[in-house]
Protein backbone atom coordinates (compact mmCIF):
# COMPACT_ATOMS: atom_id res chain seq x y z
CA UNK A 1 -31.89 27.20 -4.20
CA UNK A 2 -30.21 26.73 -7.58
CA UNK A 3 -30.84 24.25 -10.32
CA UNK A 4 -28.94 21.07 -9.81
CA UNK A 5 -28.21 19.36 -12.89
CA UNK A 6 -25.65 16.19 -12.91
CA UNK A 7 -24.71 14.26 -16.06
CA UNK A 8 -22.94 11.38 -16.75
CA UNK A 9 -19.31 10.17 -15.88
CA UNK A 10 -16.91 9.93 -18.88
CA UNK A 11 -15.02 7.83 -19.89
CA UNK A 12 -11.69 6.75 -18.45
CA UNK A 13 -8.73 8.31 -20.74
CA UNK A 14 -6.88 5.51 -22.29
CA UNK A 15 -3.68 4.79 -19.87
CA UNK A 16 -1.21 5.34 -22.75
CA UNK A 17 -2.17 8.87 -23.71
CA UNK A 18 -2.27 9.81 -20.28
CA UNK A 19 1.20 8.21 -19.71
CA UNK A 20 1.93 9.99 -22.74
CA UNK A 21 0.61 13.35 -21.70
CA UNK A 22 2.76 13.01 -18.52
CA UNK A 23 6.02 13.16 -20.03
CA UNK A 24 5.45 16.35 -21.66
CA UNK A 25 5.29 20.26 -20.12
CA UNK A 26 2.45 22.56 -20.84
CA UNK A 27 5.08 24.91 -22.21
CA UNK A 28 5.89 22.42 -24.97
CA UNK A 29 2.23 22.69 -25.95
CA UNK A 30 2.25 26.40 -25.74
CA UNK A 31 4.40 26.00 -28.68
CA UNK A 32 2.20 24.10 -30.56
CA UNK A 33 -1.48 25.72 -29.83
CA UNK A 34 -2.83 28.80 -28.96
CA UNK A 35 -5.96 27.73 -27.59
CA UNK A 36 -7.41 25.92 -24.24
CA UNK A 37 -4.50 27.14 -21.98
CA UNK A 38 -6.16 28.43 -18.44
CA UNK A 39 -5.80 31.83 -16.78
CA UNK A 40 -2.17 32.35 -15.75
CA UNK A 41 -3.78 32.94 -12.14
CA UNK A 42 -4.82 29.86 -11.81
CA UNK A 43 -1.15 28.44 -10.48
CA UNK A 44 0.16 25.02 -8.83
CA UNK A 45 -0.22 25.00 -5.08
CA UNK A 46 3.25 23.17 -5.10
CA UNK A 47 6.13 25.28 -6.90
CA UNK A 48 7.72 22.35 -8.10
CA UNK A 49 4.61 20.54 -9.46
CA UNK A 50 5.56 17.66 -11.99
CA UNK A 51 3.15 17.06 -15.07
CA UNK A 52 -0.07 15.15 -14.06
CA UNK A 53 -3.08 14.21 -16.60
CA UNK A 54 -6.44 13.02 -16.50
CA UNK A 55 -9.79 12.87 -17.66
CA UNK A 56 -12.01 16.10 -16.88
CA UNK A 57 -14.78 15.53 -14.53
CA UNK A 58 -16.47 18.89 -13.96
CA UNK A 59 -18.16 20.65 -11.07
CA UNK A 60 -19.70 24.25 -10.92
CA UNK A 61 -20.34 25.44 -7.43
CA UNK A 62 -22.43 28.17 -6.15
CA UNK A 63 -20.38 30.50 -4.01
CA UNK A 64 -20.74 29.75 -0.53
CA UNK A 65 -21.83 26.04 -1.43
CA UNK A 66 -19.80 22.88 -1.25
CA UNK A 67 -22.62 20.06 -0.91
CA UNK A 68 -22.25 19.17 -4.53
CA UNK A 69 -18.64 18.83 -4.25
CA UNK A 70 -18.88 16.30 -1.67
CA UNK A 71 -21.38 14.39 -3.41
CA UNK A 72 -18.70 14.51 -6.34
CA UNK A 73 -16.04 13.08 -4.19
CA UNK A 74 -18.09 10.04 -3.75
CA UNK A 75 -17.69 9.22 -7.59
CA UNK A 76 -14.45 9.93 -8.80
CA UNK A 77 -12.17 7.41 -9.84
CA UNK A 78 -8.62 7.09 -10.26
CA UNK A 79 -6.83 9.19 -12.94
CA UNK A 80 -9.84 11.77 -13.10
CA UNK A 81 -8.87 15.38 -13.02
CA UNK A 82 -11.55 17.07 -11.09
CA UNK A 83 -12.48 20.83 -12.62
CA UNK A 84 -14.18 23.12 -10.55
CA UNK A 85 -15.80 26.20 -11.95
CA UNK A 86 -16.55 28.73 -9.10
CA UNK A 87 -19.13 30.54 -11.25
CA UNK A 88 -17.00 33.82 -10.65
CA UNK A 89 -16.57 33.71 -6.57
CA UNK A 90 -12.88 34.20 -5.73
CA UNK A 91 -13.75 34.66 -2.24
CA UNK A 92 -14.48 31.24 -0.72
CA UNK A 93 -12.29 28.33 -0.66
CA UNK A 94 -14.31 24.87 -1.52
CA UNK A 95 -10.94 22.58 -1.10
CA UNK A 96 -9.18 22.24 2.32
CA UNK A 97 -7.54 19.17 3.97
CA UNK A 98 -10.32 17.17 4.03
CA UNK A 99 -11.08 17.76 0.66
CA UNK A 100 -7.83 17.07 -0.28
CA UNK A 101 -7.63 13.83 1.59
CA UNK A 102 -10.65 12.43 0.21
CA UNK A 103 -9.66 13.35 -3.10
CA UNK A 104 -6.74 11.66 -2.83
CA UNK A 105 -8.02 8.60 -1.54
CA UNK A 106 -10.30 8.27 -4.51
CA UNK A 107 -7.09 8.03 -6.88
CA UNK A 108 -7.49 11.63 -8.53
CA UNK A 109 -4.87 12.69 -11.06
CA UNK A 110 -5.45 16.27 -9.27
CA UNK A 111 -8.01 19.13 -8.71
CA UNK A 112 -8.34 22.56 -10.63
CA UNK A 113 -10.32 25.53 -9.34
CA UNK A 114 -11.19 28.74 -10.93
CA UNK A 115 -10.90 30.12 -7.19
CA UNK A 116 -8.86 29.87 -3.94
CA UNK A 117 -8.29 26.70 -1.74
CA UNK A 118 -7.59 26.92 2.14
CA UNK A 119 -5.38 24.59 4.41
CA UNK A 120 -2.26 24.70 1.78
CA UNK A 121 0.16 23.00 4.19
CA UNK A 122 -2.44 20.26 4.32
CA UNK A 123 -2.81 19.98 0.63
CA UNK A 124 1.14 19.55 0.01
CA UNK A 125 1.33 17.15 2.75
CA UNK A 126 -1.52 14.90 1.27
CA UNK A 127 0.75 15.22 -2.06
CA UNK A 128 -2.53 15.78 -3.85
CA UNK A 129 -1.62 18.40 -7.40
CA UNK A 130 -3.90 21.25 -7.24
CA UNK A 131 -4.00 24.32 -9.03
CA UNK A 132 -6.24 27.30 -8.11
CA UNK A 133 -6.52 31.17 -7.83
CA UNK A 134 -4.28 31.69 -4.63
CA UNK A 135 -5.68 31.11 -0.95
CA UNK A 136 -8.37 32.30 1.14
CA UNK A 137 -9.77 31.68 4.96
CA UNK A 138 -13.10 31.86 4.18
CA UNK A 139 -14.53 28.75 3.62
CA UNK A 140 -17.80 27.10 1.67
CA UNK A 141 -20.47 25.72 3.33
CA UNK A 142 -23.40 22.49 3.21
CA UNK A 143 -25.92 24.80 2.07
CA UNK A 144 -27.36 22.63 -0.63
CA UNK A 145 -27.35 25.22 -3.25
CA UNK A 146 -27.17 22.89 -6.25
CA UNK A 147 -24.66 23.49 -8.75
CA UNK A 148 -23.94 21.17 -11.88
CA UNK A 149 -21.74 17.86 -11.90
CA UNK A 150 -20.43 16.50 -15.22
CA UNK A 151 -21.58 19.41 -17.14
CA UNK A 152 -20.08 21.80 -19.61
CA UNK A 153 -18.42 24.56 -17.65
CA UNK A 154 -15.62 27.55 -17.81
CA UNK A 155 -12.31 27.32 -15.92
CA UNK A 156 -9.80 29.65 -16.01
CA UNK A 157 -11.10 31.33 -19.20
CA UNK A 158 -11.31 27.71 -20.59
CA UNK A 159 -14.44 25.95 -21.77
CA UNK A 160 -14.24 22.36 -20.04
CA UNK A 161 -16.48 19.48 -21.53
CA UNK A 162 -16.61 16.50 -19.24
CA UNK A 163 -14.15 13.65 -21.15
CA UNK A 164 -11.69 16.46 -22.03
CA UNK A 165 -7.72 15.66 -21.29
CA UNK A 166 -6.42 17.93 -18.79
CA UNK A 167 -2.38 18.64 -18.88
CA UNK A 168 -0.96 20.70 -15.66
CA UNK A 169 2.23 21.26 -14.20
CA UNK A 170 4.33 24.03 -12.32
CA UNK A 171 3.93 26.46 -15.43
CA UNK A 172 -0.14 26.20 -15.68
CA UNK A 173 -3.21 23.76 -16.99
CA UNK A 174 -3.90 23.35 -20.49
CA UNK A 175 -7.57 21.33 -21.83
CA UNK A 176 -7.20 19.72 -24.82
CA UNK A 177 -10.25 17.96 -26.65
CA UNK A 178 -10.38 14.12 -26.30
CA UNK A 179 -9.80 13.42 -29.82
CA UNK A 180 -6.87 15.49 -30.23
CA UNK A 181 -5.20 14.84 -26.96
CA UNK A 182 -3.25 11.42 -28.21
CA UNK A 183 -1.48 13.44 -31.03
CA UNK A 184 0.16 16.16 -28.99
CA UNK A 185 2.79 14.34 -26.80
CA UNK A 186 4.66 13.24 -29.92
CA UNK A 187 5.75 16.59 -31.36
CA UNK A 188 6.11 17.91 -27.90
CA UNK A 189 8.47 15.41 -26.55
CA UNK A 190 10.69 15.89 -29.87
CA UNK A 191 10.73 19.56 -29.27
CA UNK A 192 12.03 18.65 -25.92
CA UNK A 193 14.54 16.67 -27.31
CA UNK A 194 15.74 19.70 -29.30
CA UNK A 195 15.59 22.08 -26.23
CA UNK A 196 18.10 19.71 -24.12
CA UNK A 197 20.65 19.64 -27.38
CA UNK A 198 20.27 23.63 -27.15
CA UNK A 199 21.01 23.63 -23.31
CA UNK A 200 24.12 21.59 -23.79
CA UNK A 201 25.34 23.76 -26.69
CA UNK A 202 24.90 26.59 -24.52
CA UNK A 203 26.98 24.82 -21.50
CA UNK A 204 29.57 24.19 -24.24
CA UNK A 205 29.87 27.55 -25.06
CA UNK A 206 27.78 28.62 -28.36
CA UNK A 207 25.51 31.79 -28.01
CA UNK A 208 21.98 31.50 -28.31
CA UNK A 209 21.75 33.62 -31.43
CA UNK A 210 23.89 31.14 -32.95
CA UNK A 211 22.29 28.42 -31.96
CA UNK A 212 18.67 29.96 -33.34
CA UNK A 213 20.11 31.57 -36.27
CA UNK A 214 18.82 34.96 -34.91
CA UNK A 215 22.18 36.24 -35.20
CA UNK A 216 22.04 35.66 -38.87
CA UNK A 217 18.66 36.60 -39.66
CA UNK A 218 19.02 40.06 -37.71
CA UNK A 219 22.49 40.64 -39.77
CA UNK A 220 20.66 39.46 -43.02
CA UNK A 221 18.33 42.49 -42.36
CA UNK A 222 20.65 45.07 -41.41
CA UNK A 223 22.69 44.28 -44.80
CA UNK A 224 19.46 44.80 -46.68
CA UNK A 225 18.61 47.50 -45.06
CA UNK A 226 22.14 49.19 -45.60
CA UNK A 227 22.02 48.20 -49.39
CA UNK A 228 18.63 50.12 -49.61
CA UNK A 229 19.77 53.27 -48.09
CA UNK A 230 22.75 53.27 -50.73
CA UNK A 231 20.19 53.02 -53.01
CA UNK A 232 18.42 55.53 -52.03
CA UNK A 233 21.13 57.96 -51.55
CA UNK A 234 22.44 57.55 -55.18
CA UNK A 235 19.07 58.10 -56.63
CA UNK A 236 19.22 61.63 -54.51
CA UNK A 237 22.53 62.43 -56.47
CA UNK A 238 22.18 61.16 -59.93
């Protein structure tokens, strides 16, 4: 039996912060930050997954055991984002149809697993947003091997603290410190507005390189390089 450590539930996230985060894409955050992004191996179970955000409730489960997960499901609240560290195990699925239903009925924003799930069709039918490392038919058991609940964990190569804000969509998952999450939505919304205008300009017939001024920049470099070569040739003949 491994150690069992249980921490306090984090404070719920302000509704206005969660609402603002769910208006943006993780890819927009990726234009502003380089930290907090989980491994690309952790993907949404639903390929068209819309943005969901919630406060991180963290769990670390020993490979074959899901006893602490069932305990945690009795404590989850609406708006929580359950983040599960599988402690390196990529074989055993801790989440299937029954766990997905329990999580949905608890009102969670979603579940992020650094490992596989099972019963994908049932998970999708429940409408529970899930991000994980694929699918496995090998499942966990009620072995009471311990683990941690609401303690610092690692998920997808990212440290996650209880109370962090987690945003996930079809492109991936990003973890934001609670004191920084409120400031990230506004610049992302502004950027997405610029992207929408660019998309329309493309439909109107403009070239992307002209819109972004990439053509102008490359031409300027080519001109400078040409003048430099001409100068060197003149030096050789003088």
